[in-house]
Amino acid sequence: MRVRESETTEQTKPSGGWGIAAGIILVILGLVAFARPFYATIATTLAFGWLFIIAGIGQFIYTFGSRSAGQVIWKIVLGILYLLAGIFLVGSPIAGALSVTLVLGITIFLQGVIQVFMAFQIRPARAWGGVLVSGLLGIILGIFIWSNFPFNAAWILGLFVGVSLLVNGIWIISLSSASR
């Protein structure tokens, strides 16, 4: 089945005015996070904490609603882990920011290593260079996070959130403006 260009355009374009408004809000939030990365780091840590608490509660609801689907003990353990992680992040956001920053640095580094290996596996493909560059940047960024840890923990998450919000806001505005 062939997809016409008009169908894909309709699927990918945000709704004009609402898309522009959402993009502007994201750009503003990104600039605020850029200007105050410590506060954005704390807000991000608290958001993760509340997500873990909600996930823990959801896990307990699932556990007691589906006793026949597997061993109940492992579902309870998972719910407790979610709750403990959430309570730790919400109760101690600065220490939580340290933990999240360390995990982020390890994840970005390992993602970079995997992308470098993938790049050489797909080497004849046209996009292999982009995958290689992305992997090398991930390795460098992971090492940067590690080498400045724990001193960067107060601002690095907020900076990443700011960049993400800013870039997402810009592309949403661009896509929404193009659809008008």
C-alpha atoms as a PDB file:
ATOM      1  CA  MET A   1       0.000   0.000   0.000  1.00  0.00           C
ATOM      2  CA  ARG A   2       1.394   3.375  -0.995  1.00  0.00           C
ATOM      3  CA  VAL A   3       1.152   6.378   1.256  1.00  0.00           C
ATOM      4  CA  ARG A   4       0.502   9.669  -0.457  1.00  0.00           C
ATOM      5  CA  GLU A   5       2.503  12.746   0.508  1.00  0.00           C
ATOM      6  CA  SER A   6      -0.635  14.572   1.630  1.00  0.00           C
ATOM      7  CA  GLU A   7      -1.402  11.755   4.087  1.00  0.00           C
ATOM      8  CA  THR A   8       2.048  11.888   5.691  1.00  0.00           C
ATOM      9  CA  THR A   9       1.962  15.696   5.802  1.00  0.00           C
ATOM     10  CA  GLU A  10      -1.373  15.601   7.612  1.00  0.00           C
ATOM     11  CA  GLN A  11      -0.013  13.091  10.130  1.00  0.00           C
ATOM     12  CA  THR A  12       3.124  15.079  10.973  1.00  0.00           C
ATOM     13  CA  LYS A  13       1.905  18.674  11.139  1.00  0.00           C
ATOM     14  CA  PRO A  14       0.792  20.098  14.467  1.00  0.00           C
ATOM     15  CA  SER A  15      -2.406  22.110  14.472  1.00  0.00           C
ATOM     16  CA  GLY A  16      -1.312  25.654  13.466  1.00  0.00           C
ATOM     17  CA  GLY A  17      -2.029  28.084  16.293  1.00  0.00           C
ATOM     18  CA  TRP A  18      -2.013  25.504  19.083  1.00  0.00           C
ATOM     19  CA  GLY A  19       1.284  24.107  17.839  1.00  0.00           C
ATOM     20  CA  ILE A  20       2.856  27.555  17.751  1.00  0.00           C
ATOM     21  CA  ALA A  21       1.568  28.304  21.271  1.00  0.00           C
ATOM     22  CA  ALA A  22       2.919  24.996  22.589  1.00  0.00           C
ATOM     23  CA  GLY A  23       6.246  25.628  20.869  1.00  0.00           C
ATOM     24  CA  ILE A  24       6.529  29.109  22.382  1.00  0.00           C
ATOM     25  CA  ILE A  25       5.810  27.715  25.852  1.00  0.00           C
ATOM     26  CA  LEU A  26       8.496  25.051  25.392  1.00  0.00           C
ATOM     27  CA  VAL A  27      11.016  27.634  24.162  1.00  0.00           C
ATOM     28  CA  ILE A  28      10.294  29.852  27.190  1.00  0.00           C
ATOM     29  CA  LEU A  29      10.624  26.887  29.582  1.00  0.00           C
ATOM     30  CA  GLY A  30      13.855  25.883  27.835  1.00  0.00           C
ATOM     31  CA  LEU A  31      15.289  29.384  28.237  1.00  0.00           C
ATOM     32  CA  VAL A  32      14.280  29.449  31.920  1.00  0.00           C
ATOM     33  CA  ALA A  33      15.965  26.052  32.430  1.00  0.00           C
ATOM     34  CA  PHE A  34      19.030  27.395  30.610  1.00  0.00           C
ATOM     35  CA  ALA A  35      19.111  30.496  32.817  1.00  0.00           C
ATOM     36  CA  ARG A  36      18.523  28.560  36.054  1.00  0.00           C
ATOM     37  CA  PRO A  37      19.872  25.036  35.507  1.00  0.00           C
ATOM     38  CA  PHE A  38      20.044  24.243  39.241  1.00  0.00           C
ATOM     39  CA  TYR A  39      16.300  24.821  39.658  1.00  0.00           C
ATOM     40  CA  ALA A  40      15.601  22.837  36.501  1.00  0.00           C
ATOM     41  CA  THR A  41      17.745  20.002  37.867  1.00  0.00           C
ATOM     42  CA  ILE A  42      15.788  19.953  41.122  1.00  0.00           C
ATOM     43  CA  ALA A  43      12.460  20.127  39.246  1.00  0.00           C
ATOM     44  CA  THR A  44      13.541  17.244  36.991  1.00  0.00           C
ATOM     45  CA  THR A  45      14.631  15.157  39.970  1.00  0.00           C
ATOM     46  CA  LEU A  46      11.328  15.813  41.746  1.00  0.00           C
ATOM     47  CA  ALA A  47       9.375  14.927  38.601  1.00  0.00           C
ATOM     48  CA  PHE A  48      11.253  11.617  38.325  1.00  0.00           C
ATOM     49  CA  GLY A  49      10.594  10.991  42.014  1.00  0.00           C
ATOM     50  CA  TRP A  50       6.855  11.515  41.664  1.00  0.00           C
ATOM     51  CA  LEU A  51       6.795   9.316  38.557  1.00  0.00           C
ATOM     52  CA  PHE A  52       8.450   6.511  40.537  1.00  0.00           C
ATOM     53  CA  ILE A  53       5.965   6.943  43.392  1.00  0.00           C
ATOM     54  CA  ILE A  54       3.040   6.791  40.963  1.00  0.00           C
ATOM     55  CA  ALA A  55       4.613   3.744  39.287  1.00  0.00           C
ATOM     56  CA  GLY A  56       4.974   2.065  42.696  1.00  0.00           C
ATOM     57  CA  ILE A  57       1.330   2.675  43.521  1.00  0.00           C
ATOM     58  CA  GLY A  58       0.354   1.411  40.067  1.00  0.00           C
ATOM     59  CA  GLN A  59       2.472  -1.690  40.588  1.00  0.00           C
ATOM     60  CA  PHE A  60       0.698  -2.444  43.874  1.00  0.00           C
ATOM     61  CA  ILE A  61      -2.713  -1.964  42.231  1.00  0.00           C
ATOM     62  CA  TYR A  62      -1.659  -4.319  39.448  1.00  0.00           C
ATOM     63  CA  THR A  63      -0.245  -6.843  41.951  1.00  0.00           C
ATOM     64  CA  PHE A  64      -3.411  -7.159  43.979  1.00  0.00           C
ATOM     65  CA  GLY A  65      -5.643  -7.051  40.911  1.00  0.00           C
ATOM     66  CA  SER A  66      -3.828  -9.872  39.116  1.00  0.00           C
ATOM     67  CA  ARG A  67      -2.721 -12.356  41.733  1.00  0.00           C
ATOM     68  CA  SER A  68      -2.879 -15.221  39.275  1.00  0.00           C
ATOM     69  CA  ALA A  69      -0.456 -13.653  36.746  1.00  0.00           C
ATOM     70  CA  GLY A  70       2.933 -14.780  38.058  1.00  0.00           C
ATOM     71  CA  GLN A  71       4.470 -14.695  41.516  1.00  0.00           C
ATOM     72  CA  VAL A  72       3.021 -11.985  43.719  1.00  0.00           C
ATOM     73  CA  ILE A  73       6.220 -11.563  45.738  1.00  0.00           C
ATOM     74  CA  TRP A  74       8.206 -10.224  42.750  1.00  0.00           C
ATOM     75  CA  LYS A  75       5.449  -7.764  41.907  1.00  0.00           C
ATOM     76  CA  ILE A  76       5.468  -6.527  45.509  1.00  0.00           C
ATOM     77  CA  VAL A  77       9.273  -6.211  45.488  1.00  0.00           C
ATOM     78  CA  LEU A  78       9.103  -4.162  42.274  1.00  0.00           C
ATOM     79  CA  GLY A  79       6.419  -1.904  43.769  1.00  0.00           C
ATOM     80  CA  ILE A  80       8.528  -1.377  46.888  1.00  0.00           C
ATOM     81  CA  LEU A  81      11.605  -0.531  44.767  1.00  0.00           C
ATOM     82  CA  TYR A  82       9.622   2.031  42.773  1.00  0.00           C
ATOM     83  CA  LEU A  83       8.261   3.587  45.963  1.00  0.00           C
ATOM     84  CA  LEU A  84      11.649   3.688  47.683  1.00  0.00           C
ATOM     85  CA  ALA A  85      13.314   5.265  44.645  1.00  0.00           C
ATOM     86  CA  GLY A  86      10.546   7.848  44.409  1.00  0.00           C
ATOM     87  CA  ILE A  87      10.618   8.658  48.112  1.00  0.00           C
ATOM     88  CA  PHE A  88      14.415   9.018  47.954  1.00  0.00           C
ATOM     89  CA  LEU A  89      14.263  11.414  44.985  1.00  0.00           C
ATOM     90  CA  VAL A  90      11.423  13.503  46.403  1.00  0.00           C
ATOM     91  CA  GLY A  91      12.763  13.468  49.979  1.00  0.00           C
ATOM     92  CA  SER A  92      16.327  14.320  49.020  1.00  0.00           C
ATOM     93  CA  PRO A  93      16.349  15.977  45.581  1.00  0.00           C
ATOM     94  CA  ILE A  94      19.997  17.093  45.740  1.00  0.00           C
ATOM     95  CA  ALA A  95      21.256  13.591  46.535  1.00  0.00           C
ATOM     96  CA  GLY A  96      18.769  12.334  43.953  1.00  0.00           C
ATOM     97  CA  ALA A  97      20.251  14.685  41.363  1.00  0.00           C
ATOM     98  CA  LEU A  98      23.658  13.143  42.070  1.00  0.00           C
ATOM     99  CA  SER A  99      22.272   9.653  41.470  1.00  0.00           C
ATOM    100  CA  VAL A 100      20.369  10.598  38.334  1.00  0.00           C
ATOM    101  CA  THR A 101      23.407  12.440  36.933  1.00  0.00           C
ATOM    102  CA  LEU A 102      25.635   9.415  37.501  1.00  0.00           C
ATOM    103  CA  VAL A 103      23.128   7.086  35.816  1.00  0.00           C
ATOM    104  CA  LEU A 104      22.730   9.571  32.947  1.00  0.00           C
ATOM    105  CA  GLY A 105      26.499   9.745  32.408  1.00  0.00           C
ATOM    106  CA  ILE A 106      26.819   5.957  32.353  1.00  0.00           C
ATOM    107  CA  THR A 107      23.844   5.606  30.010  1.00  0.00           C
ATOM    108  CA  ILE A 108      25.089   8.222  27.535  1.00  0.00           C
ATOM    109  CA  PHE A 109      28.581   6.694  27.540  1.00  0.00           C
ATOM    110  CA  LEU A 110      27.288   3.147  26.949  1.00  0.00           C
ATOM    111  CA  GLN A 111      24.895   4.365  24.264  1.00  0.00           C
ATOM    112  CA  GLY A 112      27.862   6.006  22.536  1.00  0.00           C
ATOM    113  CA  VAL A 113      29.926   2.811  22.677  1.00  0.00           C
ATOM    114  CA  ILE A 114      27.039   0.789  21.232  1.00  0.00           C
ATOM    115  CA  GLN A 115      26.512   3.349  18.452  1.00  0.00           C
ATOM    116  CA  VAL A 116      30.196   3.229  17.488  1.00  0.00           C
ATOM    117  CA  PHE A 117      29.994  -0.570  17.181  1.00  0.00           C
ATOM    118  CA  MET A 118      26.745  -0.259  15.211  1.00  0.00           C
ATOM    119  CA  ALA A 119      28.310   2.306  12.863  1.00  0.00           C
ATOM    120  CA  PHE A 120      31.066  -0.097  11.880  1.00  0.00           C
ATOM    121  CA  GLN A 121      28.549  -2.919  11.422  1.00  0.00           C
ATOM    122  CA  ILE A 122      26.465  -0.855   8.984  1.00  0.00           C
ATOM    123  CA  ARG A 123      29.514   0.800   7.410  1.00  0.00           C
ATOM    124  CA  PRO A 124      28.568   0.440   3.756  1.00  0.00           C
ATOM    125  CA  ALA A 125      25.254   2.196   4.476  1.00  0.00           C
ATOM    126  CA  ARG A 126      24.970   5.869   3.646  1.00  0.00           C
ATOM    127  CA  ALA A 127      24.201   7.031   7.221  1.00  0.00           C
ATOM    128  CA  TRP A 128      26.970   5.134   8.984  1.00  0.00           C
ATOM    129  CA  GLY A 129      29.037   8.305   9.446  1.00  0.00           C
ATOM    130  CA  GLY A 130      26.201  10.014  11.307  1.00  0.00           C
ATOM    131  CA  VAL A 131      25.835   7.037  13.625  1.00  0.00           C
ATOM    132  CA  LEU A 132      29.601   7.071  14.225  1.00  0.00           C
ATOM    133  CA  VAL A 133      29.652  10.803  15.019  1.00  0.00           C
ATOM    134  CA  SER A 134      26.664  10.414  17.334  1.00  0.00           C
ATOM    135  CA  GLY A 135      28.400   7.545  19.132  1.00  0.00           C
ATOM    136  CA  LEU A 136      31.677   9.426  19.504  1.00  0.00           C
ATOM    137  CA  LEU A 137      29.818  12.466  20.859  1.00  0.00           C
ATOM    138  CA  GLY A 138      28.009  10.198  23.334  1.00  0.00           C
ATOM    139  CA  ILE A 139      31.317   8.761  24.538  1.00  0.00           C
ATOM    140  CA  ILE A 140      32.810  12.244  24.920  1.00  0.00           C
ATOM    141  CA  LEU A 141      29.707  13.552  26.725  1.00  0.00           C
ATOM    142  CA  GLY A 142      29.640  10.529  29.042  1.00  0.00           C
ATOM    143  CA  ILE A 143      33.311  11.039  29.912  1.00  0.00           C
ATOM    144  CA  PHE A 144      32.646  14.758  30.453  1.00  0.00           C
ATOM    145  CA  ILE A 145      29.841  13.964  32.894  1.00  0.00           C
ATOM    146  CA  TRP A 146      32.001  11.428  34.753  1.00  0.00           C
ATOM    147  CA  SER A 147      35.093  13.612  34.867  1.00  0.00           C
ATOM    148  CA  ASN A 148      33.195  16.533  36.407  1.00  0.00           C
ATOM    149  CA  PHE A 149      31.065  14.424  38.739  1.00  0.00           C
ATOM    150  CA  PRO A 150      29.773  15.323  41.352  1.00  0.00           C
ATOM    151  CA  PHE A 151      30.395  19.022  40.666  1.00  0.00           C
ATOM    152  CA  ASN A 152      28.228  19.073  37.539  1.00  0.00           C
ATOM    153  CA  ALA A 153      25.281  17.297  39.168  1.00  0.00           C
ATOM    154  CA  ALA A 154      23.763  20.589  40.292  1.00  0.00           C
ATOM    155  CA  TRP A 155      23.381  21.901  36.760  1.00  0.00           C
ATOM    156  CA  ILE A 156      23.859  19.230  34.082  1.00  0.00           C
ATOM    157  CA  LEU A 157      20.338  17.761  34.232  1.00  0.00           C
ATOM    158  CA  GLY A 158      18.795  21.227  34.117  1.00  0.00           C
ATOM    159  CA  LEU A 159      20.971  22.145  31.163  1.00  0.00           C
ATOM    160  CA  PHE A 160      19.985  18.981  29.271  1.00  0.00           C
ATOM    161  CA  VAL A 161      16.309  19.598  30.024  1.00  0.00           C
ATOM    162  CA  GLY A 162      16.705  23.197  28.849  1.00  0.00           C
ATOM    163  CA  VAL A 163      18.319  22.131  25.574  1.00  0.00           C
ATOM    164  CA  SER A 164      15.636  19.508  25.011  1.00  0.00           C
ATOM    165  CA  LEU A 165      12.764  21.915  25.697  1.00  0.00           C
ATOM    166  CA  LEU A 166      14.324  24.621  23.534  1.00  0.00           C
ATOM    167  CA  VAL A 167      14.993  22.350  20.550  1.00  0.00           C
ATOM    168  CA  ASN A 168      11.561  20.717  20.773  1.00  0.00           C
ATOM    169  CA  GLY A 169       9.882  24.110  21.001  1.00  0.00           C
ATOM    170  CA  ILE A 170      11.755  25.376  17.936  1.00  0.00           C
ATOM    171  CA  TRP A 171      10.860  22.380  15.761  1.00  0.00           C
ATOM    172  CA  ILE A 172       7.206  22.512  16.853  1.00  0.00           C
ATOM    173  CA  ILE A 173       7.046  26.219  15.956  1.00  0.00           C
ATOM    174  CA  SER A 174       8.759  25.512  12.617  1.00  0.00           C
ATOM    175  CA  LEU A 175       6.424  22.657  11.757  1.00  0.00           C
ATOM    176  CA  SER A 176       3.345  24.606  12.851  1.00  0.00           C
ATOM    177  CA  SER A 177       4.387  27.711  10.951  1.00  0.00           C
ATOM    178  CA  ALA A 178       4.970  25.698   7.793  1.00  0.00           C
ATOM    179  CA  SER A 179       1.461  24.245   8.011  1.00  0.00           C
ATOM    180  CA  ARG A 180      -0.214  27.667   8.007  1.00  0.00           C
END
